Amino acid sequence: MSNEPELQRGAGTPDAFERLWTPHRMAYIKGENKPTGSGPGDGCPFCEIPRLDDEDGLIVARGEAVYAVLNLYPYNSGHLLICPYRHVPDYTDLNPAETAEFADFTRRGLTALRKASGAQGFNVGMNLGDAAGAGIAAHLHQHVVPRWGGDTNFMPVVGQTKVLPQLLRDTRSLLAGCWPDA
């Protein structure tokens, strides 16, 4: 046996790096499932998701005006999106009842994530408009991303890859079970 690193075949120039393939990300990169326009009938996934059952839509909880859903392209396991049912692009477009439930679902999402995963911190926020980096600017949504000490390791820094330890359906089931009542 040789102590020389095994050459990679068919993966480009041999460089001694292992490859972790994440082909599911190509759908996001190519813009699959992105709306074709800004209207609710233009293929908006946040308008389509509530029509699915909870498991197929990855919906964690439903309210009167908003719902919580797992991000299909998460930054971390448990990455939630809080979305109003109504197709509006900006936080200021919400009426008082929607605003109250939007805030309450954010609070309940934090509680569920702490209970389900022991999250030690969170990134919570909205990207309003294309210029702010909103992936789907036409339909308001807020990100609730759980964080843990040391969760930024070499994979995203060096490999531009996230390692998610749990299937989205399993994460949805766990969070739905931990979702607190109002």
N, C-alpha and C. Protein backbone atom coordinates (compact mmCIF):
# COMPACT_ATOMS: atom_id res chain seq x y z
N MET A 1 0.83 -1.19 0.00
CA MET A 1 0.00 0.00 0.00
C MET A 1 0.87 1.25 0.00
N SER A 2 0.43 2.21 -0.72
CA SER A 2 1.14 3.47 -0.83
C SER A 2 0.53 4.48 0.14
N ASN A 3 1.35 5.42 0.61
CA ASN A 3 0.86 6.49 1.47
C ASN A 3 0.41 7.70 0.66
N GLU A 4 0.50 7.60 -0.66
CA GLU A 4 0.08 8.72 -1.49
C GLU A 4 -1.44 8.78 -1.54
N PRO A 5 -1.99 10.02 -1.60
CA PRO A 5 -3.45 10.13 -1.65
C PRO A 5 -3.98 9.50 -2.94
N GLU A 6 -5.16 8.88 -2.82
CA GLU A 6 -5.79 8.28 -3.98
C GLU A 6 -6.26 9.39 -4.93
N LEU A 7 -5.97 9.23 -6.20
CA LEU A 7 -6.39 10.22 -7.18
C LEU A 7 -7.88 10.09 -7.44
N GLN A 8 -8.51 11.23 -7.63
CA GLN A 8 -9.93 11.22 -7.95
C GLN A 8 -10.06 11.08 -9.46
N ARG A 9 -10.98 10.27 -9.86
CA ARG A 9 -11.20 10.02 -11.28
C ARG A 9 -12.52 10.70 -11.68
N GLY A 10 -12.48 11.50 -12.71
CA GLY A 10 -13.69 12.10 -13.25
C GLY A 10 -14.23 13.29 -12.49
N ALA A 11 -13.52 13.81 -11.53
CA ALA A 11 -14.02 14.95 -10.75
C ALA A 11 -13.17 16.19 -10.98
N GLY A 12 -12.50 16.25 -12.10
CA GLY A 12 -11.67 17.41 -12.38
C GLY A 12 -10.23 17.14 -12.01
N THR A 13 -9.49 18.17 -11.74
CA THR A 13 -8.08 18.05 -11.39
C THR A 13 -7.92 17.40 -10.03
N PRO A 14 -7.11 16.35 -9.94
CA PRO A 14 -6.90 15.72 -8.63
C PRO A 14 -6.34 16.74 -7.63
N ASP A 15 -6.97 16.83 -6.46
CA ASP A 15 -6.53 17.81 -5.47
C ASP A 15 -6.54 17.26 -4.05
N ALA A 16 -6.80 15.98 -3.88
CA ALA A 16 -6.82 15.31 -2.58
C ALA A 16 -8.03 15.67 -1.72
N PHE A 17 -8.99 16.44 -2.25
CA PHE A 17 -10.20 16.76 -1.49
C PHE A 17 -11.25 15.69 -1.72
N GLU A 18 -11.98 15.37 -0.66
CA GLU A 18 -13.16 14.53 -0.79
C GLU A 18 -14.28 15.42 -1.30
N ARG A 19 -15.25 14.85 -1.98
CA ARG A 19 -16.38 15.62 -2.48
C ARG A 19 -17.66 15.19 -1.77
N LEU A 20 -18.43 16.15 -1.32
CA LEU A 20 -19.75 15.90 -0.78
C LEU A 20 -20.72 16.52 -1.77
N TRP A 21 -21.41 15.69 -2.51
CA TRP A 21 -22.29 16.17 -3.57
C TRP A 21 -23.65 16.52 -2.98
N THR A 22 -24.18 17.67 -3.33
CA THR A 22 -25.50 18.10 -2.90
C THR A 22 -26.31 18.48 -4.14
N PRO A 23 -26.68 17.49 -4.96
CA PRO A 23 -27.35 17.80 -6.21
C PRO A 23 -28.71 18.46 -6.05
N HIS A 24 -29.35 18.29 -4.88
CA HIS A 24 -30.65 18.93 -4.67
C HIS A 24 -30.54 20.45 -4.70
N ARG A 25 -29.36 20.99 -4.42
CA ARG A 25 -29.17 22.44 -4.43
C ARG A 25 -29.25 23.02 -5.84
N MET A 26 -29.02 22.18 -6.87
CA MET A 26 -29.06 22.68 -8.24
C MET A 26 -30.45 23.23 -8.58
N ALA A 27 -31.50 22.65 -8.01
CA ALA A 27 -32.85 23.16 -8.25
C ALA A 27 -32.95 24.62 -7.81
N TYR A 28 -32.38 24.93 -6.65
CA TYR A 28 -32.39 26.31 -6.15
C TYR A 28 -31.54 27.22 -7.02
N ILE A 29 -30.35 26.75 -7.37
CA ILE A 29 -29.44 27.54 -8.19
C ILE A 29 -30.07 27.88 -9.54
N LYS A 30 -30.75 26.91 -10.13
CA LYS A 30 -31.38 27.11 -11.44
C LYS A 30 -32.70 27.89 -11.35
N GLY A 31 -33.17 28.11 -10.13
CA GLY A 31 -34.40 28.87 -9.97
C GLY A 31 -35.66 28.06 -10.16
N GLU A 32 -35.57 26.74 -10.03
CA GLU A 32 -36.78 25.93 -10.14
C GLU A 32 -37.76 26.33 -9.04
N ASN A 33 -39.03 26.28 -9.37
CA ASN A 33 -40.11 26.63 -8.45
C ASN A 33 -40.13 28.11 -8.09
N LYS A 34 -39.39 28.93 -8.82
CA LYS A 34 -39.45 30.37 -8.59
C LYS A 34 -40.67 30.90 -9.35
N PRO A 35 -41.33 31.90 -8.80
CA PRO A 35 -42.48 32.49 -9.50
C PRO A 35 -42.08 33.05 -10.86
N THR A 36 -43.03 33.02 -11.78
CA THR A 36 -42.78 33.58 -13.12
C THR A 36 -43.08 35.07 -13.17
N GLY A 37 -43.76 35.58 -12.15
CA GLY A 37 -44.10 37.00 -12.06
C GLY A 37 -44.35 37.34 -10.60
N SER A 38 -44.94 38.51 -10.36
CA SER A 38 -45.11 38.97 -8.98
C SER A 38 -46.51 38.72 -8.42
N GLY A 39 -47.42 38.21 -9.24
CA GLY A 39 -48.78 37.99 -8.78
C GLY A 39 -48.96 36.64 -8.09
N PRO A 40 -50.03 36.49 -7.30
CA PRO A 40 -50.26 35.23 -6.60
C PRO A 40 -50.50 34.06 -7.55
N GLY A 41 -50.96 34.31 -8.75
CA GLY A 41 -51.20 33.26 -9.73
C GLY A 41 -50.01 32.96 -10.61
N ASP A 42 -48.87 33.54 -10.29
CA ASP A 42 -47.67 33.38 -11.13
C ASP A 42 -46.72 32.31 -10.58
N GLY A 43 -47.28 31.30 -9.93
CA GLY A 43 -46.45 30.20 -9.43
C GLY A 43 -45.77 30.48 -8.11
N CYS A 44 -46.33 31.34 -7.29
CA CYS A 44 -45.74 31.66 -5.99
C CYS A 44 -45.80 30.42 -5.09
N PRO A 45 -44.66 29.89 -4.66
CA PRO A 45 -44.70 28.70 -3.80
C PRO A 45 -45.37 28.96 -2.46
N PHE A 46 -45.30 30.19 -1.95
CA PHE A 46 -45.90 30.49 -0.67
C PHE A 46 -47.43 30.58 -0.75
N CYS A 47 -47.95 30.72 -1.97
CA CYS A 47 -49.40 30.63 -2.18
C CYS A 47 -49.81 29.19 -2.44
N GLU A 48 -48.92 28.40 -3.02
CA GLU A 48 -49.21 27.00 -3.35
C GLU A 48 -49.10 26.09 -2.12
N ILE A 49 -48.11 26.31 -1.27
CA ILE A 49 -47.84 25.42 -0.14
C ILE A 49 -49.07 25.20 0.75
N PRO A 50 -49.83 26.24 1.13
CA PRO A 50 -50.98 26.00 2.01
C PRO A 50 -52.05 25.09 1.41
N ARG A 51 -52.04 24.89 0.11
CA ARG A 51 -53.02 24.00 -0.53
C ARG A 51 -52.64 22.53 -0.36
N LEU A 52 -51.41 22.28 0.07
CA LEU A 52 -50.93 20.91 0.28
C LEU A 52 -51.25 20.48 1.70
N ASP A 53 -51.20 19.16 1.94
CA ASP A 53 -51.33 18.73 3.33
C ASP A 53 -50.02 19.10 4.04
N ASP A 54 -50.06 19.09 5.36
CA ASP A 54 -48.92 19.59 6.14
C ASP A 54 -47.63 18.84 5.84
N GLU A 55 -47.69 17.53 5.74
CA GLU A 55 -46.47 16.75 5.52
C GLU A 55 -45.88 17.04 4.13
N ASP A 56 -46.71 17.03 3.11
CA ASP A 56 -46.21 17.28 1.75
C ASP A 56 -45.72 18.73 1.58
N GLY A 57 -46.39 19.66 2.26
CA GLY A 57 -45.99 21.07 2.17
C GLY A 57 -44.92 21.46 3.16
N LEU A 58 -44.51 20.53 4.04
CA LEU A 58 -43.54 20.80 5.11
C LEU A 58 -44.03 21.89 6.06
N ILE A 59 -45.35 21.97 6.21
CA ILE A 59 -45.94 22.97 7.10
C ILE A 59 -45.87 22.46 8.53
N VAL A 60 -45.33 23.30 9.40
CA VAL A 60 -45.18 22.96 10.81
C VAL A 60 -46.43 23.35 11.59
N ALA A 61 -47.01 24.51 11.28
CA ALA A 61 -48.20 24.99 11.99
C ALA A 61 -48.97 25.95 11.09
N ARG A 62 -50.29 25.96 11.25
CA ARG A 62 -51.17 26.87 10.51
C ARG A 62 -51.92 27.76 11.49
N GLY A 63 -52.04 29.01 11.15
CA GLY A 63 -52.85 29.95 11.91
C GLY A 63 -53.98 30.46 11.05
N GLU A 64 -54.64 31.51 11.53
CA GLU A 64 -55.72 32.13 10.76
C GLU A 64 -55.19 32.94 9.59
N ALA A 65 -54.07 33.66 9.82
CA ALA A 65 -53.55 34.58 8.81
C ALA A 65 -52.16 34.21 8.30
N VAL A 66 -51.44 33.37 9.05
CA VAL A 66 -50.06 33.00 8.69
C VAL A 66 -49.84 31.51 8.94
N TYR A 67 -48.75 31.02 8.39
CA TYR A 67 -48.35 29.63 8.65
C TYR A 67 -46.84 29.57 8.77
N ALA A 68 -46.36 28.50 9.40
CA ALA A 68 -44.92 28.25 9.54
C ALA A 68 -44.58 27.03 8.70
N VAL A 69 -43.52 27.15 7.91
CA VAL A 69 -43.12 26.08 6.99
C VAL A 69 -41.60 25.95 7.03
N LEU A 70 -41.12 24.73 6.83
CA LEU A 70 -39.67 24.55 6.72
C LEU A 70 -39.18 25.12 5.41
N ASN A 71 -38.02 25.72 5.45
CA ASN A 71 -37.38 26.21 4.23
C ASN A 71 -36.90 24.99 3.43
N LEU A 72 -37.25 24.94 2.16
CA LEU A 72 -36.86 23.82 1.31
C LEU A 72 -35.35 23.83 1.05
N TYR A 73 -34.71 24.98 1.20
CA TYR A 73 -33.27 25.13 1.00
C TYR A 73 -32.67 25.75 2.26
N PRO A 74 -32.65 24.99 3.37
CA PRO A 74 -32.32 25.56 4.67
C PRO A 74 -30.85 25.91 4.86
N TYR A 75 -30.63 26.92 5.70
CA TYR A 75 -29.27 27.28 6.14
C TYR A 75 -28.83 26.34 7.24
N ASN A 76 -29.77 25.90 8.08
CA ASN A 76 -29.52 24.95 9.17
C ASN A 76 -30.76 24.08 9.32
N SER A 77 -30.61 22.95 9.97
CA SER A 77 -31.77 22.10 10.25
C SER A 77 -32.77 22.88 11.09
N GLY A 78 -34.02 22.81 10.71
CA GLY A 78 -35.07 23.52 11.44
C GLY A 78 -35.34 24.92 10.94
N HIS A 79 -34.68 25.35 9.87
CA HIS A 79 -34.86 26.69 9.31
C HIS A 79 -36.32 26.88 8.91
N LEU A 80 -37.02 27.72 9.65
CA LEU A 80 -38.44 28.00 9.43
C LEU A 80 -38.65 29.26 8.62
N LEU A 81 -39.78 29.31 7.93
CA LEU A 81 -40.26 30.52 7.30
C LEU A 81 -41.65 30.79 7.86
N ILE A 82 -41.89 32.03 8.26
CA ILE A 82 -43.21 32.45 8.70
C ILE A 82 -43.80 33.26 7.54
N CYS A 83 -44.95 32.81 7.02
CA CYS A 83 -45.54 33.40 5.82
C CYS A 83 -47.00 33.76 6.05
N PRO A 84 -47.41 34.93 5.57
CA PRO A 84 -48.85 35.20 5.58
C PRO A 84 -49.48 34.42 4.43
N TYR A 85 -50.73 34.04 4.61
CA TYR A 85 -51.45 33.39 3.51
C TYR A 85 -51.65 34.40 2.38
N ARG A 86 -51.92 35.64 2.75
CA ARG A 86 -52.17 36.68 1.76
C ARG A 86 -50.88 37.02 1.03
N HIS A 87 -50.97 37.15 -0.28
CA HIS A 87 -49.83 37.43 -1.14
C HIS A 87 -49.52 38.93 -1.09
N VAL A 88 -48.60 39.31 -0.21
CA VAL A 88 -48.16 40.70 -0.09
C VAL A 88 -46.63 40.73 -0.05
N PRO A 89 -46.03 41.77 -0.62
CA PRO A 89 -44.56 41.80 -0.68
C PRO A 89 -43.86 42.44 0.50
N ASP A 90 -44.55 43.22 1.32
CA ASP A 90 -43.85 44.02 2.32
C ASP A 90 -44.52 43.89 3.69
N TYR A 91 -43.72 43.97 4.71
CA TYR A 91 -44.21 43.90 6.09
C TYR A 91 -45.26 44.97 6.36
N THR A 92 -45.10 46.14 5.77
CA THR A 92 -46.04 47.23 5.99
C THR A 92 -47.39 46.98 5.31
N ASP A 93 -47.47 45.96 4.47
CA ASP A 93 -48.74 45.60 3.82
C ASP A 93 -49.64 44.74 4.71
N LEU A 94 -49.09 44.22 5.81
CA LEU A 94 -49.90 43.40 6.70
C LEU A 94 -50.88 44.26 7.48
N ASN A 95 -52.07 43.73 7.71
CA ASN A 95 -53.03 44.44 8.55
C ASN A 95 -52.71 44.12 10.02
N PRO A 96 -53.33 44.80 10.97
CA PRO A 96 -52.99 44.57 12.38
C PRO A 96 -53.14 43.12 12.85
N ALA A 97 -54.18 42.43 12.41
CA ALA A 97 -54.36 41.02 12.83
C ALA A 97 -53.25 40.15 12.25
N GLU A 98 -52.89 40.37 10.99
CA GLU A 98 -51.81 39.60 10.37
C GLU A 98 -50.48 39.88 11.06
N THR A 99 -50.23 41.15 11.37
CA THR A 99 -48.99 41.53 12.05
C THR A 99 -48.88 40.84 13.41
N ALA A 100 -49.97 40.82 14.16
CA ALA A 100 -49.96 40.20 15.48
C ALA A 100 -49.70 38.70 15.38
N GLU A 101 -50.36 38.03 14.44
CA GLU A 101 -50.15 36.59 14.32
C GLU A 101 -48.76 36.28 13.75
N PHE A 102 -48.27 37.12 12.87
CA PHE A 102 -46.91 36.97 12.32
C PHE A 102 -45.89 37.00 13.46
N ALA A 103 -46.04 37.97 14.36
CA ALA A 103 -45.14 38.08 15.52
C ALA A 103 -45.32 36.88 16.45
N ASP A 104 -46.57 36.47 16.69
CA ASP A 104 -46.83 35.34 17.58
C ASP A 104 -46.24 34.05 17.01
N PHE A 105 -46.35 33.83 15.70
CA PHE A 105 -45.78 32.63 15.09
C PHE A 105 -44.26 32.65 15.15
N THR A 106 -43.67 33.81 15.08
CA THR A 106 -42.21 33.91 15.24
C THR A 106 -41.83 33.48 16.66
N ARG A 107 -42.55 33.98 17.65
CA ARG A 107 -42.31 33.62 19.06
C ARG A 107 -42.50 32.13 19.27
N ARG A 108 -43.58 31.58 18.73
CA ARG A 108 -43.86 30.15 18.90
C ARG A 108 -42.83 29.29 18.16
N GLY A 109 -42.36 29.77 17.02
CA GLY A 109 -41.31 29.05 16.28
C GLY A 109 -40.02 28.97 17.09
N LEU A 110 -39.65 30.06 17.73
CA LEU A 110 -38.46 30.07 18.59
C LEU A 110 -38.62 29.05 19.72
N THR A 111 -39.80 29.05 20.34
CA THR A 111 -40.07 28.12 21.44
C THR A 111 -39.98 26.67 20.97
N ALA A 112 -40.59 26.37 19.82
CA ALA A 112 -40.57 25.00 19.29
C ALA A 112 -39.16 24.56 18.94
N LEU A 113 -38.38 25.45 18.32
CA LEU A 113 -37.01 25.10 17.94
C LEU A 113 -36.13 24.87 19.17
N ARG A 114 -36.31 25.68 20.19
CA ARG A 114 -35.54 25.46 21.43
C ARG A 114 -35.88 24.10 22.02
N LYS A 115 -37.17 23.77 22.07
CA LYS A 115 -37.60 22.50 22.67
C LYS A 115 -37.17 21.32 21.81
N ALA A 116 -37.32 21.41 20.50
CA ALA A 116 -37.04 20.29 19.61
C ALA A 116 -35.56 20.04 19.40
N SER A 117 -34.77 21.11 19.36
CA SER A 117 -33.37 20.94 18.95
C SER A 117 -32.35 21.52 19.90
N GLY A 118 -32.80 22.19 20.94
CA GLY A 118 -31.85 22.80 21.86
C GLY A 118 -31.09 23.96 21.24
N ALA A 119 -31.72 24.64 20.28
CA ALA A 119 -31.05 25.78 19.65
C ALA A 119 -30.57 26.77 20.70
N GLN A 120 -29.35 27.27 20.53
CA GLN A 120 -28.74 28.18 21.50
C GLN A 120 -28.86 29.64 21.08
N GLY A 121 -29.25 29.87 19.85
CA GLY A 121 -29.41 31.23 19.33
C GLY A 121 -30.18 31.17 18.03
N PHE A 122 -30.48 32.34 17.48
CA PHE A 122 -31.28 32.40 16.25
C PHE A 122 -30.86 33.59 15.40
N ASN A 123 -31.03 33.42 14.12
CA ASN A 123 -31.05 34.54 13.19
C ASN A 123 -32.50 34.67 12.76
N VAL A 124 -33.09 35.84 12.97
CA VAL A 124 -34.49 36.09 12.60
C VAL A 124 -34.50 37.33 11.74
N GLY A 125 -35.13 37.24 10.57
CA GLY A 125 -35.19 38.43 9.74
C GLY A 125 -35.87 38.22 8.41
N MET A 126 -36.05 39.36 7.73
CA MET A 126 -36.71 39.40 6.42
C MET A 126 -35.80 40.12 5.44
N ASN A 127 -35.83 39.66 4.21
CA ASN A 127 -35.19 40.36 3.10
C ASN A 127 -36.32 40.94 2.28
N LEU A 128 -36.53 42.23 2.37
CA LEU A 128 -37.65 42.88 1.70
C LEU A 128 -37.20 43.48 0.38
N GLY A 129 -37.63 42.88 -0.72
CA GLY A 129 -37.29 43.37 -2.06
C GLY A 129 -36.10 42.65 -2.66
N ASP A 130 -36.05 42.68 -3.98
CA ASP A 130 -34.95 42.06 -4.71
C ASP A 130 -33.59 42.63 -4.30
N ALA A 131 -33.54 43.95 -4.12
CA ALA A 131 -32.28 44.60 -3.78
C ALA A 131 -31.75 44.15 -2.42
N ALA A 132 -32.64 43.69 -1.55
CA ALA A 132 -32.24 43.22 -0.22
C ALA A 132 -31.91 41.74 -0.20
N GLY A 133 -32.03 41.09 -1.35
CA GLY A 133 -31.68 39.68 -1.45
C GLY A 133 -32.82 38.71 -1.26
N ALA A 134 -34.06 39.19 -1.33
CA ALA A 134 -35.21 38.29 -1.19
C ALA A 134 -35.24 37.31 -2.35
N GLY A 135 -35.26 36.02 -2.04
CA GLY A 135 -35.35 35.01 -3.09
C GLY A 135 -36.71 35.02 -3.77
N ILE A 136 -37.74 35.29 -2.99
CA ILE A 136 -39.10 35.44 -3.52
C ILE A 136 -39.63 36.74 -2.94
N ALA A 137 -39.37 37.82 -3.65
CA ALA A 137 -39.67 39.16 -3.14
C ALA A 137 -41.16 39.49 -3.14
N ALA A 138 -41.93 38.82 -3.98
CA ALA A 138 -43.35 39.16 -4.11
C ALA A 138 -44.21 38.67 -2.96
N HIS A 139 -43.70 37.73 -2.16
CA HIS A 139 -44.51 37.20 -1.05
C HIS A 139 -43.67 37.28 0.23
N LEU A 140 -44.11 38.12 1.13
CA LEU A 140 -43.43 38.33 2.41
C LEU A 140 -43.19 37.00 3.13
N HIS A 141 -42.02 36.85 3.69
CA HIS A 141 -41.71 35.70 4.55
C HIS A 141 -40.56 36.08 5.47
N GLN A 142 -40.61 35.55 6.67
CA GLN A 142 -39.56 35.82 7.66
C GLN A 142 -38.81 34.53 7.95
N HIS A 143 -37.50 34.62 8.00
CA HIS A 143 -36.64 33.48 8.30
C HIS A 143 -36.42 33.38 9.80
N VAL A 144 -36.51 32.16 10.32
CA VAL A 144 -36.15 31.86 11.70
C VAL A 144 -35.15 30.72 11.61
N VAL A 145 -33.87 31.06 11.81
CA VAL A 145 -32.80 30.09 11.62
C VAL A 145 -32.17 29.75 12.97
N PRO A 146 -32.30 28.48 13.40
CA PRO A 146 -31.68 28.09 14.66
C PRO A 146 -30.17 28.03 14.54
N ARG A 147 -29.49 28.34 15.64
CA ARG A 147 -28.03 28.33 15.65
C ARG A 147 -27.53 27.64 16.92
N TRP A 148 -26.35 27.08 16.82
CA TRP A 148 -25.70 26.40 17.94
C TRP A 148 -24.25 26.85 17.98
N GLY A 149 -23.67 26.89 19.17
CA GLY A 149 -22.26 27.23 19.28
C GLY A 149 -21.42 26.30 18.42
N GLY A 150 -20.60 26.86 17.57
CA GLY A 150 -19.72 26.07 16.71
C GLY A 150 -20.40 25.50 15.48
N ASP A 151 -21.62 25.95 15.15
CA ASP A 151 -22.29 25.36 13.99
C ASP A 151 -21.71 25.83 12.66
N THR A 152 -20.88 26.84 12.68
CA THR A 152 -20.19 27.23 11.45
C THR A 152 -18.83 26.59 11.50
N ASN A 153 -18.70 25.50 10.74
CA ASN A 153 -17.45 24.77 10.73
C ASN A 153 -16.78 24.89 9.37
N PHE A 154 -15.89 24.00 9.06
CA PHE A 154 -15.14 24.09 7.82
C PHE A 154 -16.00 23.87 6.58
N MET A 155 -17.13 23.15 6.70
CA MET A 155 -17.92 22.83 5.51
C MET A 155 -18.42 24.07 4.78
N PRO A 156 -19.13 25.01 5.44
CA PRO A 156 -19.58 26.18 4.71
C PRO A 156 -18.45 27.15 4.39
N VAL A 157 -17.46 27.20 5.27
CA VAL A 157 -16.37 28.15 5.08
C VAL A 157 -15.47 27.74 3.93
N VAL A 158 -15.07 26.48 3.90
CA VAL A 158 -14.15 25.99 2.88
C VAL A 158 -14.89 25.31 1.73
N GLY A 159 -15.90 24.52 2.06
CA GLY A 159 -16.55 23.70 1.05
C GLY A 159 -17.80 24.27 0.44
N GLN A 160 -18.25 25.46 0.91
CA GLN A 160 -19.47 26.07 0.40
C GLN A 160 -20.63 25.08 0.45
N THR A 161 -20.68 24.28 1.52
CA THR A 161 -21.68 23.22 1.67
C THR A 161 -22.17 23.18 3.10
N LYS A 162 -23.46 22.97 3.27
CA LYS A 162 -24.04 22.75 4.60
C LYS A 162 -24.33 21.27 4.75
N VAL A 163 -24.09 20.75 5.91
CA VAL A 163 -24.42 19.37 6.20
C VAL A 163 -25.63 19.39 7.13
N LEU A 164 -26.75 18.85 6.65
CA LEU A 164 -27.97 18.81 7.43
C LEU A 164 -28.17 17.39 7.93
N PRO A 165 -28.25 17.20 9.24
CA PRO A 165 -28.26 15.86 9.80
C PRO A 165 -29.62 15.16 9.81
N GLN A 166 -30.66 15.81 9.30
CA GLN A 166 -31.99 15.23 9.41
C GLN A 166 -32.80 15.54 8.15
N LEU A 167 -33.62 14.58 7.72
CA LEU A 167 -34.49 14.79 6.58
C LEU A 167 -35.54 15.84 6.92
N LEU A 168 -35.96 16.64 5.92
CA LEU A 168 -36.93 17.70 6.17
C LEU A 168 -38.24 17.16 6.73
N ARG A 169 -38.72 16.02 6.25
CA ARG A 169 -39.97 15.46 6.77
C ARG A 169 -39.84 15.11 8.26
N ASP A 170 -38.68 14.60 8.66
CA ASP A 170 -38.46 14.28 10.07
C ASP A 170 -38.38 15.54 10.92
N THR A 171 -37.73 16.57 10.39
CA THR A 171 -37.64 17.85 11.10
C THR A 171 -39.02 18.46 11.25
N ARG A 172 -39.84 18.41 10.17
CA ARG A 172 -41.19 18.96 10.22
C ARG A 172 -42.02 18.26 11.29
N SER A 173 -41.94 16.95 11.34
CA SER A 173 -42.70 16.18 12.32
C SER A 173 -42.26 16.53 13.75
N LEU A 174 -40.98 16.63 13.98
CA LEU A 174 -40.45 16.98 15.30
C LEU A 174 -40.91 18.36 15.73
N LEU A 175 -40.80 19.36 14.85
CA LEU A 175 -41.19 20.72 15.20
C LEU A 175 -42.69 20.85 15.38
N ALA A 176 -43.46 20.17 14.53
CA ALA A 176 -44.92 20.22 14.68
C ALA A 176 -45.33 19.67 16.04
N GLY A 177 -44.65 18.64 16.49
CA GLY A 177 -44.93 18.07 17.80
C GLY A 177 -44.54 18.97 18.96
N CYS A 178 -43.61 19.87 18.72
CA CYS A 178 -43.15 20.79 19.77
C CYS A 178 -43.78 22.18 19.66
N TRP A 179 -44.64 22.40 18.63
CA TRP A 179 -45.24 23.72 18.42
C TRP A 179 -46.16 24.05 19.58
N PRO A 180 -45.92 25.17 20.27
CA PRO A 180 -46.76 25.50 21.43
C PRO A 180 -48.12 26.05 21.03
N ASP A 181 -49.11 25.80 21.88
CA ASP A 181 -50.43 26.40 21.67
C ASP A 181 -50.31 27.90 21.89
N ALA A 182 -51.27 28.61 21.36
CA ALA A 182 -51.26 30.07 21.51
C ALA A 182 -51.32 30.42 22.96
